[in-house]
N, C-alpha and C. Protein backbone atom coordinates (compact mmCIF):
# COMPACT_ATOMS: atom_id res chain seq x y z
N MET A 1 -60.51 -3.63 57.41
CA MET A 1 -59.56 -4.49 58.09
C MET A 1 -60.14 -4.85 59.46
N ASN A 2 -60.24 -6.12 59.77
CA ASN A 2 -60.85 -6.56 61.02
C ASN A 2 -59.91 -6.49 62.22
N ASN A 3 -58.63 -6.40 62.00
CA ASN A 3 -57.66 -6.40 63.09
C ASN A 3 -56.77 -5.17 62.96
N PRO A 4 -57.26 -4.00 63.38
CA PRO A 4 -56.45 -2.79 63.22
C PRO A 4 -55.20 -2.84 64.09
N MET A 5 -54.08 -2.41 63.53
CA MET A 5 -52.82 -2.36 64.25
C MET A 5 -52.21 -0.98 64.08
N GLU A 6 -51.42 -0.61 65.04
CA GLU A 6 -50.71 0.64 64.98
C GLU A 6 -49.27 0.35 64.60
N ALA A 7 -48.72 1.10 63.66
CA ALA A 7 -47.33 0.91 63.25
C ALA A 7 -46.51 2.11 63.69
N ILE A 8 -45.33 1.85 64.24
CA ILE A 8 -44.42 2.91 64.67
C ILE A 8 -43.09 2.70 63.97
N LEU A 9 -42.61 3.69 63.28
CA LEU A 9 -41.33 3.61 62.62
C LEU A 9 -40.23 3.87 63.64
N VAL A 10 -39.28 2.95 63.73
CA VAL A 10 -38.16 3.11 64.65
C VAL A 10 -37.08 3.88 63.91
N THR A 11 -36.61 4.96 64.50
CA THR A 11 -35.67 5.84 63.80
C THR A 11 -34.22 5.47 64.05
N SER A 12 -33.32 6.24 63.50
CA SER A 12 -31.89 5.93 63.45
C SER A 12 -31.19 5.60 64.77
N PRO A 13 -31.57 6.12 65.94
CA PRO A 13 -30.82 5.72 67.14
C PRO A 13 -30.83 4.21 67.38
N VAL A 14 -31.84 3.49 66.89
CA VAL A 14 -31.91 2.05 67.07
C VAL A 14 -31.28 1.33 65.87
N LYS A 15 -31.18 2.03 64.76
CA LYS A 15 -30.66 1.44 63.53
C LYS A 15 -29.17 1.17 63.67
N ARG A 16 -28.76 -0.02 63.26
CA ARG A 16 -27.34 -0.39 63.34
C ARG A 16 -26.58 0.21 62.16
N THR A 17 -25.29 0.40 62.34
CA THR A 17 -24.45 0.93 61.28
C THR A 17 -24.51 0.01 60.07
N GLY A 18 -24.75 0.57 58.90
CA GLY A 18 -24.81 -0.19 57.67
C GLY A 18 -26.11 -0.94 57.45
N GLN A 19 -27.08 -0.75 58.32
CA GLN A 19 -28.36 -1.46 58.20
C GLN A 19 -29.24 -0.72 57.20
N ASP A 20 -29.75 -1.45 56.22
CA ASP A 20 -30.58 -0.84 55.20
C ASP A 20 -32.07 -1.02 55.46
N GLN A 21 -32.45 -2.06 56.21
CA GLN A 21 -33.86 -2.32 56.43
C GLN A 21 -34.45 -1.34 57.44
N VAL A 22 -35.70 -1.05 57.22
CA VAL A 22 -36.44 -0.22 58.17
C VAL A 22 -37.06 -1.15 59.20
N GLN A 23 -36.94 -0.80 60.48
CA GLN A 23 -37.55 -1.61 61.52
C GLN A 23 -38.96 -1.12 61.76
N LEU A 24 -39.85 -2.05 62.02
CA LEU A 24 -41.24 -1.71 62.21
C LEU A 24 -41.74 -2.43 63.45
N ALA A 25 -42.38 -1.69 64.36
CA ALA A 25 -42.96 -2.29 65.56
C ALA A 25 -44.46 -2.32 65.40
N LEU A 26 -45.07 -3.48 65.64
CA LEU A 26 -46.52 -3.62 65.53
C LEU A 26 -47.10 -3.90 66.91
N PHE A 27 -48.29 -3.36 67.15
CA PHE A 27 -48.95 -3.54 68.44
C PHE A 27 -50.38 -3.99 68.22
N GLU A 28 -50.84 -4.88 69.10
CA GLU A 28 -52.24 -5.29 69.09
C GLU A 28 -53.08 -4.11 69.58
N THR A 29 -54.39 -4.20 69.44
CA THR A 29 -55.26 -3.10 69.85
C THR A 29 -55.20 -2.85 71.35
N ASP A 30 -54.79 -3.87 72.15
CA ASP A 30 -54.68 -3.68 73.60
C ASP A 30 -53.32 -3.09 74.01
N GLY A 31 -52.46 -2.81 73.03
CA GLY A 31 -51.18 -2.18 73.32
C GLY A 31 -50.02 -3.15 73.47
N THR A 32 -50.27 -4.44 73.48
CA THR A 32 -49.18 -5.40 73.60
C THR A 32 -48.46 -5.53 72.26
N ALA A 33 -47.17 -5.80 72.33
CA ALA A 33 -46.38 -5.95 71.11
C ALA A 33 -46.81 -7.19 70.35
N ARG A 34 -46.81 -7.10 69.04
CA ARG A 34 -47.13 -8.26 68.20
C ARG A 34 -45.85 -8.75 67.56
N ILE A 35 -45.54 -10.02 67.77
CA ILE A 35 -44.36 -10.62 67.17
C ILE A 35 -44.72 -11.04 65.75
N VAL A 36 -43.93 -10.60 64.78
CA VAL A 36 -44.20 -10.91 63.39
C VAL A 36 -43.00 -11.66 62.83
N PRO A 37 -43.11 -12.82 62.27
CA PRO A 37 -44.33 -13.60 62.29
C PRO A 37 -44.52 -14.27 63.64
N LYS A 38 -45.77 -14.47 64.00
CA LYS A 38 -46.08 -15.15 65.24
C LYS A 38 -45.64 -16.61 65.11
N ARG A 39 -45.04 -17.15 66.16
CA ARG A 39 -44.57 -18.53 66.11
C ARG A 39 -45.71 -19.50 66.36
N ALA A 40 -45.75 -20.54 65.57
CA ALA A 40 -46.72 -21.61 65.79
C ALA A 40 -46.21 -22.52 66.89
N ALA A 41 -47.12 -23.26 67.50
CA ALA A 41 -46.74 -24.21 68.53
C ALA A 41 -45.82 -25.27 67.93
N ALA A 42 -44.99 -25.86 68.77
CA ALA A 42 -44.05 -26.88 68.32
C ALA A 42 -44.80 -28.08 67.77
N GLN A 43 -44.19 -28.72 66.80
CA GLN A 43 -44.77 -29.93 66.20
C GLN A 43 -43.67 -30.98 66.14
N ALA A 44 -43.97 -32.17 66.65
CA ALA A 44 -43.00 -33.26 66.63
C ALA A 44 -42.71 -33.69 65.19
N ASP A 45 -41.50 -34.18 64.98
CA ASP A 45 -41.13 -34.69 63.66
C ASP A 45 -41.87 -36.00 63.39
N LEU A 46 -41.97 -36.33 62.13
CA LEU A 46 -42.57 -37.59 61.72
C LEU A 46 -41.65 -38.73 62.16
N ALA A 47 -42.23 -39.74 62.78
CA ALA A 47 -41.45 -40.90 63.21
C ALA A 47 -40.95 -41.66 61.99
N ALA A 48 -40.00 -42.55 62.22
CA ALA A 48 -39.46 -43.35 61.13
C ALA A 48 -40.58 -44.15 60.46
N LEU A 49 -40.51 -44.26 59.16
CA LEU A 49 -41.51 -45.00 58.42
C LEU A 49 -41.38 -46.49 58.71
N THR A 50 -42.50 -47.18 58.65
CA THR A 50 -42.49 -48.62 58.90
C THR A 50 -42.42 -49.41 57.61
N SER A 51 -42.76 -48.77 56.49
CA SER A 51 -42.76 -49.49 55.21
C SER A 51 -41.36 -49.57 54.63
N THR A 52 -41.15 -50.59 53.83
CA THR A 52 -39.89 -50.79 53.11
C THR A 52 -40.23 -51.17 51.68
N ALA A 53 -39.24 -51.25 50.85
CA ALA A 53 -39.46 -51.66 49.46
C ALA A 53 -39.98 -53.09 49.44
N ALA A 54 -40.86 -53.35 48.50
CA ALA A 54 -41.42 -54.70 48.37
C ALA A 54 -40.31 -55.70 48.08
N ALA A 55 -40.44 -56.89 48.67
CA ALA A 55 -39.42 -57.93 48.48
C ALA A 55 -39.46 -58.49 47.07
N GLY A 56 -40.65 -58.55 46.49
CA GLY A 56 -40.78 -59.11 45.13
C GLY A 56 -41.35 -58.07 44.19
N ALA A 57 -41.76 -58.54 43.03
CA ALA A 57 -42.32 -57.64 42.01
C ALA A 57 -43.67 -57.09 42.43
N THR A 58 -44.40 -57.84 43.24
CA THR A 58 -45.72 -57.43 43.70
C THR A 58 -45.71 -57.35 45.22
N PRO A 59 -46.12 -56.20 45.81
CA PRO A 59 -46.12 -56.10 47.27
C PRO A 59 -47.11 -57.08 47.91
N THR A 60 -46.74 -57.58 49.06
CA THR A 60 -47.66 -58.44 49.82
C THR A 60 -48.67 -57.55 50.54
N LYS A 61 -49.71 -58.17 51.08
CA LYS A 61 -50.71 -57.42 51.84
C LYS A 61 -50.06 -56.74 53.02
N ALA A 62 -49.16 -57.42 53.72
CA ALA A 62 -48.49 -56.84 54.88
C ALA A 62 -47.65 -55.63 54.48
N GLU A 63 -46.95 -55.71 53.35
CA GLU A 63 -46.14 -54.59 52.87
C GLU A 63 -47.05 -53.41 52.50
N PHE A 64 -48.15 -53.69 51.83
CA PHE A 64 -49.09 -52.64 51.46
C PHE A 64 -49.71 -52.00 52.70
N ASP A 65 -50.08 -52.81 53.68
CA ASP A 65 -50.69 -52.28 54.90
C ASP A 65 -49.75 -51.33 55.64
N LYS A 66 -48.45 -51.61 55.60
CA LYS A 66 -47.48 -50.70 56.23
C LYS A 66 -47.48 -49.33 55.54
N VAL A 67 -47.62 -49.33 54.22
CA VAL A 67 -47.68 -48.06 53.48
C VAL A 67 -48.93 -47.28 53.88
N VAL A 68 -50.05 -47.99 54.03
CA VAL A 68 -51.31 -47.34 54.43
C VAL A 68 -51.16 -46.74 55.82
N VAL A 69 -50.54 -47.45 56.75
CA VAL A 69 -50.32 -46.92 58.10
C VAL A 69 -49.42 -45.69 58.06
N ASP A 70 -48.33 -45.76 57.29
CA ASP A 70 -47.43 -44.61 57.18
C ASP A 70 -48.14 -43.40 56.58
N LEU A 71 -48.98 -43.62 55.59
CA LEU A 71 -49.73 -42.52 54.99
C LEU A 71 -50.67 -41.88 56.01
N GLY A 72 -51.38 -42.71 56.78
CA GLY A 72 -52.28 -42.18 57.81
C GLY A 72 -51.54 -41.38 58.86
N THR A 73 -50.37 -41.88 59.28
CA THR A 73 -49.55 -41.17 60.27
C THR A 73 -49.08 -39.83 59.72
N THR A 74 -48.65 -39.83 58.47
CA THR A 74 -48.18 -38.59 57.83
C THR A 74 -49.33 -37.59 57.70
N ARG A 75 -50.50 -38.06 57.31
CA ARG A 75 -51.67 -37.18 57.17
C ARG A 75 -52.02 -36.55 58.52
N THR A 76 -52.00 -37.34 59.58
CA THR A 76 -52.31 -36.83 60.91
C THR A 76 -51.31 -35.75 61.34
N LEU A 77 -50.02 -35.99 61.07
CA LEU A 77 -49.00 -35.01 61.44
C LEU A 77 -49.15 -33.72 60.64
N ILE A 78 -49.40 -33.84 59.34
CA ILE A 78 -49.58 -32.64 58.51
C ILE A 78 -50.80 -31.84 58.96
N ASN A 79 -51.89 -32.53 59.26
CA ASN A 79 -53.09 -31.82 59.74
C ASN A 79 -52.83 -31.12 61.07
N ALA A 80 -52.08 -31.76 61.96
CA ALA A 80 -51.75 -31.12 63.24
C ALA A 80 -50.91 -29.87 63.01
N LEU A 81 -49.95 -29.95 62.10
CA LEU A 81 -49.11 -28.79 61.78
C LEU A 81 -49.94 -27.66 61.18
N LEU A 82 -50.84 -27.98 60.25
CA LEU A 82 -51.70 -26.96 59.65
C LEU A 82 -52.59 -26.30 60.70
N THR A 83 -53.12 -27.09 61.63
CA THR A 83 -53.95 -26.54 62.70
C THR A 83 -53.15 -25.56 63.55
N LYS A 84 -51.92 -25.92 63.90
CA LYS A 84 -51.08 -25.03 64.71
C LYS A 84 -50.74 -23.76 63.94
N MET A 85 -50.51 -23.86 62.65
CA MET A 85 -50.22 -22.68 61.85
C MET A 85 -51.44 -21.77 61.73
N ARG A 86 -52.64 -22.35 61.63
CA ARG A 86 -53.86 -21.54 61.58
C ARG A 86 -54.08 -20.85 62.93
N THR A 87 -53.83 -21.56 64.01
CA THR A 87 -53.98 -20.97 65.35
C THR A 87 -53.04 -19.78 65.54
N ALA A 88 -51.86 -19.85 64.93
CA ALA A 88 -50.88 -18.76 65.01
C ALA A 88 -51.11 -17.70 63.94
N ASN A 89 -52.22 -17.80 63.22
CA ASN A 89 -52.56 -16.85 62.13
C ASN A 89 -51.52 -16.82 61.03
N GLN A 90 -50.85 -17.94 60.79
CA GLN A 90 -49.90 -18.04 59.68
C GLN A 90 -50.60 -18.56 58.43
N LEU A 91 -51.77 -19.15 58.59
CA LEU A 91 -52.60 -19.61 57.47
C LEU A 91 -54.02 -19.13 57.69
N ALA A 92 -54.72 -18.92 56.62
CA ALA A 92 -56.13 -18.55 56.74
C ALA A 92 -56.92 -19.74 57.27
N PRO A 93 -57.99 -19.47 58.02
CA PRO A 93 -58.80 -20.59 58.55
C PRO A 93 -59.43 -21.41 57.45
């Protein structure tokens, strides 16, 4: 294991009445508490799409181009979200 952590079992004085889960405290090797799961940086929501349904049976070039722009915008947002999740160690690199 490349990232050794120390685990401490929290006993009954901290346990709430009727609580069945065991609480676990994790610490980094420098002694600081590790928040599990670690929160990723905030990510803005996807803006409103610019494309609409085609007016006729066949989309025009302008209608198609709007779909291409929306796809590129969505791809950029998803990649930014994945990068933030990897930075927070929520996804493997």
